[in-house]
Amino acid sequence: MNNNLPEHRKRDYKLITSNKKAFFNYEIISKIEAGIQLTGTEVKSLRNGKCSLQDAYCFFPNKDNDDLYCVNIHIAEYEQGNIYNHEPKRRRKILLHKREQIRWRSLVNEKAYTIVPTEIYFSGHLVKIEIALVRPKKNFDKRETVKKRDTEREIRRVVKNY
């Protein structure tokens, strides 16, 4: 992933969860790595792998502000947490550079794209989220994807048995 970075800048990559439905239901236009604002118990729960990106999406709540938020990311409550435990599906702020927020906001407004999280992972000790600018696929595109996947599976099976 970070092959062209200097040695001191490379970090360990540990995938927590990915959103496989996003690749099937949407056509990916572009992706970007971003930070996510979390509480301590959320990070501990992520270390245990208790996370789901199903039905999650990102949006800009204010017209005046370019802050990007992500909703419906389910991070389970930490088992050893106390009364200060987090709410599982709370709204979380996505940390991006200002120019990237402005550029993505203009694309969402002008071309009616959607922003969907595709992966959450640890990059070293930091939690990162990969978000994608997407456009919904039509039904015939989904059928084409299934057909392509089935033919590739059949080819792999024939080559394996040969």
N, C-alpha and C. Protein backbone atom coordinates (compact mmCIF):
# COMPACT_ATOMS: atom_id res chain seq x y z
N MET A 1 0.82 -1.20 0.00
CA MET A 1 0.00 0.00 0.00
C MET A 1 0.86 1.26 0.00
N ASN A 2 1.85 1.33 0.89
CA ASN A 2 2.72 2.51 0.99
C ASN A 2 4.11 2.19 0.48
N ASN A 3 4.22 1.59 -0.71
CA ASN A 3 5.52 1.14 -1.21
C ASN A 3 6.45 2.28 -1.59
N ASN A 4 5.92 3.41 -2.03
CA ASN A 4 6.77 4.50 -2.48
C ASN A 4 7.09 5.51 -1.39
N LEU A 5 6.72 5.25 -0.15
CA LEU A 5 7.04 6.15 0.95
C LEU A 5 8.40 5.80 1.53
N PRO A 6 9.08 6.76 2.15
CA PRO A 6 10.34 6.44 2.84
C PRO A 6 10.10 5.47 3.99
N GLU A 7 11.16 4.79 4.42
CA GLU A 7 11.03 3.74 5.42
C GLU A 7 10.42 4.23 6.73
N HIS A 8 10.77 5.44 7.17
CA HIS A 8 10.26 5.94 8.45
C HIS A 8 8.80 6.37 8.37
N ARG A 9 8.23 6.50 7.17
CA ARG A 9 6.84 6.92 7.03
C ARG A 9 5.88 5.74 6.83
N LYS A 10 6.42 4.55 6.57
CA LYS A 10 5.55 3.38 6.36
C LYS A 10 4.95 2.96 7.70
N ARG A 11 3.69 2.56 7.67
CA ARG A 11 3.00 2.11 8.87
C ARG A 11 2.42 0.73 8.64
N ASP A 12 2.19 0.04 9.74
CA ASP A 12 1.52 -1.25 9.65
C ASP A 12 0.07 -1.03 9.27
N TYR A 13 -0.47 -1.95 8.48
CA TYR A 13 -1.86 -1.87 8.02
C TYR A 13 -2.60 -3.09 8.56
N LYS A 14 -3.68 -2.84 9.33
CA LYS A 14 -4.49 -3.94 9.85
C LYS A 14 -5.95 -3.61 9.58
N LEU A 15 -6.57 -4.35 8.69
CA LEU A 15 -7.96 -4.14 8.31
C LEU A 15 -8.88 -4.54 9.44
N ILE A 16 -9.81 -3.64 9.77
CA ILE A 16 -10.82 -3.94 10.79
C ILE A 16 -12.06 -4.49 10.10
N THR A 17 -12.59 -3.74 9.14
CA THR A 17 -13.76 -4.20 8.40
C THR A 17 -13.82 -3.48 7.05
N SER A 18 -14.50 -4.09 6.10
CA SER A 18 -14.70 -3.46 4.80
C SER A 18 -16.18 -3.56 4.43
N ASN A 19 -16.59 -2.71 3.51
CA ASN A 19 -17.98 -2.65 3.07
C ASN A 19 -18.07 -3.29 1.69
N LYS A 20 -18.28 -4.60 1.64
CA LYS A 20 -18.31 -5.32 0.37
C LYS A 20 -19.53 -4.97 -0.46
N LYS A 21 -20.63 -4.63 0.21
CA LYS A 21 -21.85 -4.25 -0.50
C LYS A 21 -21.64 -2.98 -1.33
N ALA A 22 -20.77 -2.09 -0.85
CA ALA A 22 -20.54 -0.84 -1.57
C ALA A 22 -19.95 -1.10 -2.95
N PHE A 23 -19.08 -2.10 -3.05
CA PHE A 23 -18.47 -2.41 -4.35
C PHE A 23 -19.47 -3.05 -5.29
N PHE A 24 -20.48 -3.72 -4.75
CA PHE A 24 -21.50 -4.33 -5.59
C PHE A 24 -22.59 -3.34 -5.98
N ASN A 25 -23.02 -2.50 -5.05
CA ASN A 25 -24.14 -1.59 -5.31
C ASN A 25 -23.75 -0.28 -5.96
N TYR A 26 -22.48 0.08 -5.89
CA TYR A 26 -22.05 1.39 -6.39
C TYR A 26 -20.87 1.27 -7.34
N GLU A 27 -20.78 2.23 -8.23
CA GLU A 27 -19.62 2.39 -9.09
C GLU A 27 -18.69 3.38 -8.39
N ILE A 28 -17.47 2.96 -8.10
CA ILE A 28 -16.52 3.78 -7.35
C ILE A 28 -15.89 4.80 -8.30
N ILE A 29 -16.01 6.09 -7.98
CA ILE A 29 -15.42 7.14 -8.79
C ILE A 29 -14.00 7.44 -8.29
N SER A 30 -13.85 7.70 -7.00
CA SER A 30 -12.53 7.92 -6.41
C SER A 30 -12.58 7.58 -4.93
N LYS A 31 -11.38 7.29 -4.37
CA LYS A 31 -11.26 6.94 -2.96
C LYS A 31 -10.26 7.87 -2.30
N ILE A 32 -10.39 8.00 -0.97
CA ILE A 32 -9.45 8.81 -0.21
C ILE A 32 -9.36 8.26 1.21
N GLU A 33 -8.16 8.35 1.78
CA GLU A 33 -7.96 7.95 3.16
C GLU A 33 -8.16 9.16 4.05
N ALA A 34 -8.89 8.97 5.14
CA ALA A 34 -9.19 10.08 6.05
C ALA A 34 -9.11 9.58 7.49
N GLY A 35 -9.03 10.52 8.39
CA GLY A 35 -9.11 10.19 9.81
C GLY A 35 -10.55 10.21 10.24
N ILE A 36 -10.80 9.68 11.42
CA ILE A 36 -12.15 9.67 11.97
C ILE A 36 -12.06 10.01 13.44
N GLN A 37 -12.97 10.86 13.91
CA GLN A 37 -12.96 11.31 15.28
C GLN A 37 -13.68 10.28 16.17
N LEU A 38 -12.92 9.65 17.06
CA LEU A 38 -13.45 8.57 17.90
C LEU A 38 -13.19 8.85 19.37
N THR A 39 -13.94 8.18 20.23
CA THR A 39 -13.67 8.23 21.67
C THR A 39 -12.81 7.03 22.04
N GLY A 40 -12.34 6.99 23.28
CA GLY A 40 -11.45 5.92 23.72
C GLY A 40 -12.09 4.55 23.70
N THR A 41 -13.34 4.44 24.13
CA THR A 41 -13.99 3.13 24.15
C THR A 41 -14.28 2.64 22.73
N GLU A 42 -14.45 3.55 21.77
CA GLU A 42 -14.66 3.14 20.39
C GLU A 42 -13.39 2.51 19.83
N VAL A 43 -12.24 3.09 20.14
CA VAL A 43 -10.97 2.54 19.65
C VAL A 43 -10.74 1.16 20.26
N LYS A 44 -11.04 1.00 21.54
CA LYS A 44 -10.87 -0.30 22.19
C LYS A 44 -11.80 -1.34 21.57
N SER A 45 -13.00 -0.95 21.23
CA SER A 45 -13.94 -1.85 20.59
C SER A 45 -13.46 -2.22 19.17
N LEU A 46 -12.86 -1.24 18.46
CA LEU A 46 -12.32 -1.51 17.13
C LEU A 46 -11.14 -2.47 17.20
N ARG A 47 -10.34 -2.39 18.26
CA ARG A 47 -9.22 -3.33 18.43
C ARG A 47 -9.73 -4.76 18.57
N ASN A 48 -10.94 -4.92 19.09
CA ASN A 48 -11.56 -6.24 19.20
C ASN A 48 -12.28 -6.64 17.91
N GLY A 49 -12.33 -5.74 16.91
CA GLY A 49 -12.95 -6.04 15.62
C GLY A 49 -14.45 -5.92 15.61
N LYS A 50 -15.04 -5.17 16.52
CA LYS A 50 -16.50 -5.05 16.65
C LYS A 50 -16.99 -3.83 15.87
N CYS A 51 -17.11 -3.97 14.55
CA CYS A 51 -17.52 -2.83 13.72
C CYS A 51 -18.25 -3.34 12.48
N SER A 52 -19.20 -2.53 11.99
CA SER A 52 -19.93 -2.85 10.77
C SER A 52 -20.16 -1.57 9.98
N LEU A 53 -19.91 -1.64 8.67
CA LEU A 53 -20.13 -0.49 7.79
C LEU A 53 -21.40 -0.62 6.96
N GLN A 54 -22.21 -1.61 7.24
CA GLN A 54 -23.42 -1.82 6.46
C GLN A 54 -24.36 -0.63 6.64
N ASP A 55 -24.87 -0.10 5.54
CA ASP A 55 -25.79 1.04 5.49
C ASP A 55 -25.16 2.35 5.95
N ALA A 56 -23.84 2.44 6.03
CA ALA A 56 -23.19 3.68 6.45
C ALA A 56 -23.02 4.60 5.23
N TYR A 57 -23.09 5.90 5.49
CA TYR A 57 -22.86 6.89 4.45
C TYR A 57 -22.35 8.17 5.09
N CYS A 58 -21.81 9.06 4.26
CA CYS A 58 -21.27 10.34 4.74
C CYS A 58 -22.06 11.48 4.11
N PHE A 59 -22.13 12.60 4.84
CA PHE A 59 -22.85 13.75 4.33
C PHE A 59 -22.32 15.04 4.95
N PHE A 60 -22.66 16.15 4.34
CA PHE A 60 -22.33 17.49 4.84
C PHE A 60 -23.60 18.08 5.46
N PRO A 61 -23.69 18.19 6.80
CA PRO A 61 -24.95 18.61 7.42
C PRO A 61 -25.27 20.10 7.26
N ASN A 62 -24.25 20.96 7.18
CA ASN A 62 -24.49 22.41 7.11
C ASN A 62 -24.15 22.96 5.75
N LYS A 63 -24.91 23.96 5.32
CA LYS A 63 -24.58 24.64 4.07
C LYS A 63 -23.42 25.60 4.27
N ASP A 64 -23.28 26.13 5.49
CA ASP A 64 -22.23 27.11 5.77
C ASP A 64 -20.89 26.45 6.04
N ASN A 65 -20.90 25.23 6.54
CA ASN A 65 -19.70 24.57 7.01
C ASN A 65 -19.36 23.39 6.10
N ASP A 66 -18.07 23.13 5.89
CA ASP A 66 -17.65 22.02 5.03
C ASP A 66 -17.29 20.77 5.81
N ASP A 67 -17.75 20.63 7.06
CA ASP A 67 -17.44 19.46 7.85
C ASP A 67 -18.20 18.25 7.32
N LEU A 68 -17.50 17.14 7.20
CA LEU A 68 -18.06 15.90 6.68
C LEU A 68 -18.30 14.95 7.86
N TYR A 69 -19.49 14.36 7.93
CA TYR A 69 -19.85 13.44 9.00
C TYR A 69 -20.27 12.10 8.41
N CYS A 70 -20.05 11.05 9.17
CA CYS A 70 -20.43 9.71 8.76
C CYS A 70 -21.45 9.17 9.76
N VAL A 71 -22.52 8.58 9.27
CA VAL A 71 -23.56 8.02 10.14
C VAL A 71 -23.75 6.55 9.82
N ASN A 72 -24.36 5.84 10.76
CA ASN A 72 -24.70 4.41 10.67
C ASN A 72 -23.49 3.48 10.66
N ILE A 73 -22.32 3.96 11.10
CA ILE A 73 -21.22 3.04 11.36
C ILE A 73 -21.51 2.44 12.73
N HIS A 74 -21.68 1.14 12.79
CA HIS A 74 -21.98 0.50 14.06
C HIS A 74 -20.69 0.01 14.69
N ILE A 75 -20.27 0.67 15.78
CA ILE A 75 -19.14 0.24 16.59
C ILE A 75 -19.74 -0.21 17.91
N ALA A 76 -19.65 -1.50 18.19
CA ALA A 76 -20.30 -2.07 19.37
C ALA A 76 -19.73 -1.46 20.64
N GLU A 77 -20.57 -1.41 21.68
CA GLU A 77 -20.11 -0.88 22.96
C GLU A 77 -18.99 -1.76 23.51
N TYR A 78 -18.04 -1.15 24.17
CA TYR A 78 -16.91 -1.87 24.77
C TYR A 78 -17.40 -2.64 25.99
N GLU A 79 -17.06 -3.94 26.07
CA GLU A 79 -17.59 -4.79 27.14
C GLU A 79 -17.16 -4.32 28.53
N GLN A 80 -15.91 -3.88 28.65
CA GLN A 80 -15.41 -3.44 29.96
C GLN A 80 -15.65 -1.96 30.20
N GLY A 81 -16.46 -1.34 29.34
CA GLY A 81 -16.75 0.09 29.49
C GLY A 81 -17.64 0.35 30.69
N ASN A 82 -17.66 1.60 31.13
CA ASN A 82 -18.50 1.97 32.28
C ASN A 82 -19.61 2.89 31.80
N ILE A 83 -20.04 3.81 32.64
CA ILE A 83 -21.15 4.69 32.27
C ILE A 83 -20.75 5.67 31.17
N TYR A 84 -19.47 5.80 30.90
CA TYR A 84 -19.00 6.71 29.85
C TYR A 84 -18.81 6.01 28.52
N ASN A 85 -19.43 4.86 28.35
CA ASN A 85 -19.34 4.13 27.10
C ASN A 85 -20.04 4.91 25.98
N HIS A 86 -19.66 4.66 24.74
CA HIS A 86 -20.18 5.42 23.60
C HIS A 86 -21.50 4.84 23.09
N GLU A 87 -22.19 5.65 22.30
CA GLU A 87 -23.41 5.21 21.62
C GLU A 87 -22.98 4.50 20.33
N PRO A 88 -23.49 3.29 20.03
CA PRO A 88 -22.98 2.50 18.91
C PRO A 88 -23.11 3.14 17.53
N LYS A 89 -24.20 3.83 17.23
CA LYS A 89 -24.40 4.38 15.89
C LYS A 89 -24.41 5.91 15.88
N ARG A 90 -23.55 6.52 16.65
CA ARG A 90 -23.54 7.98 16.71
C ARG A 90 -22.91 8.57 15.45
N ARG A 91 -23.12 9.85 15.23
CA ARG A 91 -22.56 10.56 14.10
C ARG A 91 -21.09 10.88 14.39
N ARG A 92 -20.20 10.52 13.46
CA ARG A 92 -18.76 10.71 13.67
C ARG A 92 -18.19 11.63 12.60
N LYS A 93 -17.32 12.53 13.02
CA LYS A 93 -16.72 13.50 12.11
C LYS A 93 -15.57 12.85 11.34
N ILE A 94 -15.53 13.12 10.04
CA ILE A 94 -14.45 12.66 9.18
C ILE A 94 -13.42 13.78 9.08
N LEU A 95 -12.16 13.44 9.29
CA LEU A 95 -11.09 14.44 9.32
C LEU A 95 -10.38 14.48 7.98
N LEU A 96 -10.62 15.55 7.23
CA LEU A 96 -10.01 15.76 5.91
C LEU A 96 -9.42 17.15 5.86
N HIS A 97 -8.51 17.36 4.90
CA HIS A 97 -8.01 18.70 4.66
C HIS A 97 -9.14 19.56 4.08
N LYS A 98 -9.09 20.84 4.34
CA LYS A 98 -10.15 21.76 3.93
C LYS A 98 -10.39 21.73 2.42
N ARG A 99 -9.30 21.72 1.65
CA ARG A 99 -9.47 21.74 0.18
C ARG A 99 -10.13 20.45 -0.33
N GLU A 100 -9.83 19.32 0.34
CA GLU A 100 -10.47 18.06 -0.06
C GLU A 100 -11.95 18.07 0.30
N GLN A 101 -12.30 18.66 1.46
CA GLN A 101 -13.71 18.78 1.84
C GLN A 101 -14.46 19.63 0.83
N ILE A 102 -13.88 20.73 0.43
CA ILE A 102 -14.53 21.63 -0.53
C ILE A 102 -14.70 20.94 -1.88
N ARG A 103 -13.67 20.23 -2.33
CA ARG A 103 -13.73 19.56 -3.63
C ARG A 103 -14.80 18.46 -3.62
N TRP A 104 -14.85 17.66 -2.56
CA TRP A 104 -15.83 16.58 -2.49
C TRP A 104 -17.23 17.12 -2.33
N ARG A 105 -17.38 18.22 -1.59
CA ARG A 105 -18.71 18.83 -1.44
C ARG A 105 -19.24 19.33 -2.78
N SER A 106 -18.37 19.94 -3.57
CA SER A 106 -18.81 20.43 -4.88
C SER A 106 -19.19 19.27 -5.80
N LEU A 107 -18.46 18.16 -5.75
CA LEU A 107 -18.82 17.00 -6.57
C LEU A 107 -20.14 16.38 -6.14
N VAL A 108 -20.39 16.33 -4.85
CA VAL A 108 -21.65 15.79 -4.34
C VAL A 108 -22.82 16.68 -4.78
N ASN A 109 -22.64 18.00 -4.69
CA ASN A 109 -23.71 18.92 -5.04
C ASN A 109 -23.94 19.00 -6.55
N GLU A 110 -22.88 19.02 -7.35
CA GLU A 110 -23.02 19.21 -8.79
C GLU A 110 -23.45 17.94 -9.51
N LYS A 111 -22.82 16.82 -9.19
CA LYS A 111 -23.04 15.60 -9.97
C LYS A 111 -23.87 14.55 -9.24
N ALA A 112 -24.42 14.89 -8.10
CA ALA A 112 -25.29 14.00 -7.33
C ALA A 112 -24.62 12.69 -6.98
N TYR A 113 -23.35 12.74 -6.60
CA TYR A 113 -22.64 11.57 -6.11
C TYR A 113 -22.96 11.37 -4.64
N THR A 114 -22.59 10.21 -4.13
CA THR A 114 -22.75 9.87 -2.72
C THR A 114 -21.38 9.53 -2.17
N ILE A 115 -21.19 9.74 -0.87
CA ILE A 115 -19.94 9.37 -0.22
C ILE A 115 -20.23 8.21 0.72
N VAL A 116 -19.48 7.11 0.54
CA VAL A 116 -19.70 5.88 1.29
C VAL A 116 -18.37 5.41 1.88
N PRO A 117 -18.35 5.00 3.14
CA PRO A 117 -17.12 4.41 3.69
C PRO A 117 -16.93 2.99 3.15
N THR A 118 -15.70 2.67 2.73
CA THR A 118 -15.43 1.34 2.19
C THR A 118 -14.60 0.48 3.13
N GLU A 119 -13.72 1.09 3.93
CA GLU A 119 -12.88 0.32 4.86
C GLU A 119 -12.62 1.14 6.11
N ILE A 120 -12.43 0.44 7.22
CA ILE A 120 -11.88 1.02 8.44
C ILE A 120 -10.70 0.14 8.81
N TYR A 121 -9.55 0.77 9.10
CA TYR A 121 -8.35 0.01 9.39
C TYR A 121 -7.43 0.79 10.31
N PHE A 122 -6.49 0.07 10.89
CA PHE A 122 -5.44 0.68 11.68
C PHE A 122 -4.25 0.92 10.78
N SER A 123 -3.75 2.14 10.78
CA SER A 123 -2.52 2.49 10.09
C SER A 123 -1.54 2.86 11.18
N GLY A 124 -0.72 1.90 11.59
CA GLY A 124 0.10 2.08 12.78
C GLY A 124 -0.82 2.06 13.98
N HIS A 125 -0.76 3.08 14.80
CA HIS A 125 -1.66 3.17 15.96
C HIS A 125 -2.88 4.02 15.69
N LEU A 126 -3.00 4.58 14.48
CA LEU A 126 -4.11 5.46 14.13
C LEU A 126 -5.23 4.68 13.44
N VAL A 127 -6.46 5.09 13.71
CA VAL A 127 -7.62 4.51 13.01
C VAL A 127 -7.91 5.38 11.80
N LYS A 128 -7.93 4.77 10.64
CA LYS A 128 -8.22 5.48 9.39
C LYS A 128 -9.46 4.90 8.76
N ILE A 129 -10.11 5.72 7.95
CA ILE A 129 -11.30 5.28 7.21
C ILE A 129 -11.07 5.62 5.75
N GLU A 130 -11.40 4.69 4.88
CA GLU A 130 -11.32 4.95 3.46
C GLU A 130 -12.73 5.25 2.97
N ILE A 131 -12.90 6.45 2.42
CA ILE A 131 -14.22 6.82 1.91
C ILE A 131 -14.14 6.91 0.39
N ALA A 132 -15.25 6.66 -0.25
CA ALA A 132 -15.30 6.63 -1.70
C ALA A 132 -16.43 7.51 -2.21
N LEU A 133 -16.15 8.19 -3.29
CA LEU A 133 -17.16 8.95 -4.01
C LEU A 133 -17.79 7.97 -5.00
N VAL A 134 -19.09 7.75 -4.90
CA VAL A 134 -19.73 6.68 -5.67
C VAL A 134 -20.96 7.18 -6.41
N ARG A 135 -21.34 6.37 -7.41
CA ARG A 135 -22.57 6.58 -8.16
C ARG A 135 -23.31 5.24 -8.15
N PRO A 136 -24.60 5.22 -7.91
CA PRO A 136 -25.33 3.94 -7.85
C PRO A 136 -25.28 3.21 -9.19
N LYS A 137 -25.14 1.88 -9.10
CA LYS A 137 -25.17 1.05 -10.31
C LYS A 137 -26.62 0.78 -10.70
N LYS A 138 -26.82 0.60 -11.97
CA LYS A 138 -28.13 0.19 -12.47
C LYS A 138 -28.24 -1.33 -12.32
N ASN A 139 -29.44 -1.88 -12.44
CA ASN A 139 -29.65 -3.32 -12.27
C ASN A 139 -28.89 -4.13 -13.31
N PHE A 140 -28.79 -3.66 -14.56
CA PHE A 140 -28.08 -4.43 -15.56
C PHE A 140 -26.59 -4.44 -15.28
N ASP A 141 -26.07 -3.38 -14.65
CA ASP A 141 -24.66 -3.37 -14.25
C ASP A 141 -24.40 -4.40 -13.16
N LYS A 142 -25.34 -4.53 -12.23
CA LYS A 142 -25.19 -5.53 -11.16
C LYS A 142 -25.22 -6.95 -11.74
N ARG A 143 -26.12 -7.20 -12.71
CA ARG A 143 -26.18 -8.52 -13.33
C ARG A 143 -24.88 -8.83 -14.07
N GLU A 144 -24.32 -7.80 -14.70
CA GLU A 144 -23.06 -7.98 -15.42
C GLU A 144 -21.92 -8.31 -14.44
N THR A 145 -21.93 -7.67 -13.28
CA THR A 145 -20.92 -7.95 -12.26
C THR A 145 -21.03 -9.39 -11.77
N VAL A 146 -22.25 -9.86 -11.53
CA VAL A 146 -22.46 -11.24 -11.07
C VAL A 146 -22.01 -12.22 -12.14
N LYS A 147 -22.33 -11.94 -13.40
CA LYS A 147 -21.95 -12.83 -14.49
C LYS A 147 -20.42 -12.90 -14.61
N LYS A 148 -19.77 -11.77 -14.51
CA LYS A 148 -18.30 -11.72 -14.59
C LYS A 148 -17.67 -12.50 -13.44
N ARG A 149 -18.20 -12.34 -12.24
CA ARG A 149 -17.68 -13.04 -11.06
C ARG A 149 -17.86 -14.56 -11.21
N ASP A 150 -19.02 -14.99 -11.75
CA ASP A 150 -19.26 -16.42 -11.93
C ASP A 150 -18.33 -17.03 -12.97
N THR A 151 -18.09 -16.33 -14.07
CA THR A 151 -17.17 -16.85 -15.09
C THR A 151 -15.75 -16.93 -14.55
N GLU A 152 -15.32 -15.95 -13.78
CA GLU A 152 -13.97 -16.01 -13.19
C GLU A 152 -13.86 -17.17 -12.22
N ARG A 153 -14.89 -17.42 -11.44
CA ARG A 153 -14.90 -18.55 -10.51
C ARG A 153 -14.82 -19.88 -11.27
N GLU A 154 -15.57 -19.97 -12.37
CA GLU A 154 -15.55 -21.19 -13.19
C GLU A 154 -14.17 -21.42 -13.80
N ILE A 155 -13.53 -20.36 -14.28
CA ILE A 155 -12.19 -20.46 -14.86
C ILE A 155 -11.20 -20.93 -13.80
N ARG A 156 -11.27 -20.37 -12.60
CA ARG A 156 -10.36 -20.78 -11.53
C ARG A 156 -10.56 -22.25 -11.16
N ARG A 157 -11.81 -22.70 -11.15
CA ARG A 157 -12.10 -24.09 -10.81
C ARG A 157 -11.56 -25.04 -11.88
N VAL A 158 -11.70 -24.68 -13.15
CA VAL A 158 -11.20 -25.53 -14.24
C VAL A 158 -9.67 -25.57 -14.22
N VAL A 159 -9.04 -24.44 -14.00
CA VAL A 159 -7.58 -24.39 -13.96
C VAL A 159 -7.05 -25.17 -12.76
N LYS A 160 -7.73 -25.13 -11.64
CA LYS A 160 -7.32 -25.84 -10.44
C LYS A 160 -7.41 -27.36 -10.65
N ASN A 161 -8.47 -27.80 -11.31
CA ASN A 161 -8.66 -29.24 -11.53
C ASN A 161 -7.84 -29.77 -12.72
N TYR A 162 -7.30 -28.92 -13.52
CA TYR A 162 -6.56 -29.34 -14.71
C TYR A 162 -5.18 -29.79 -14.41
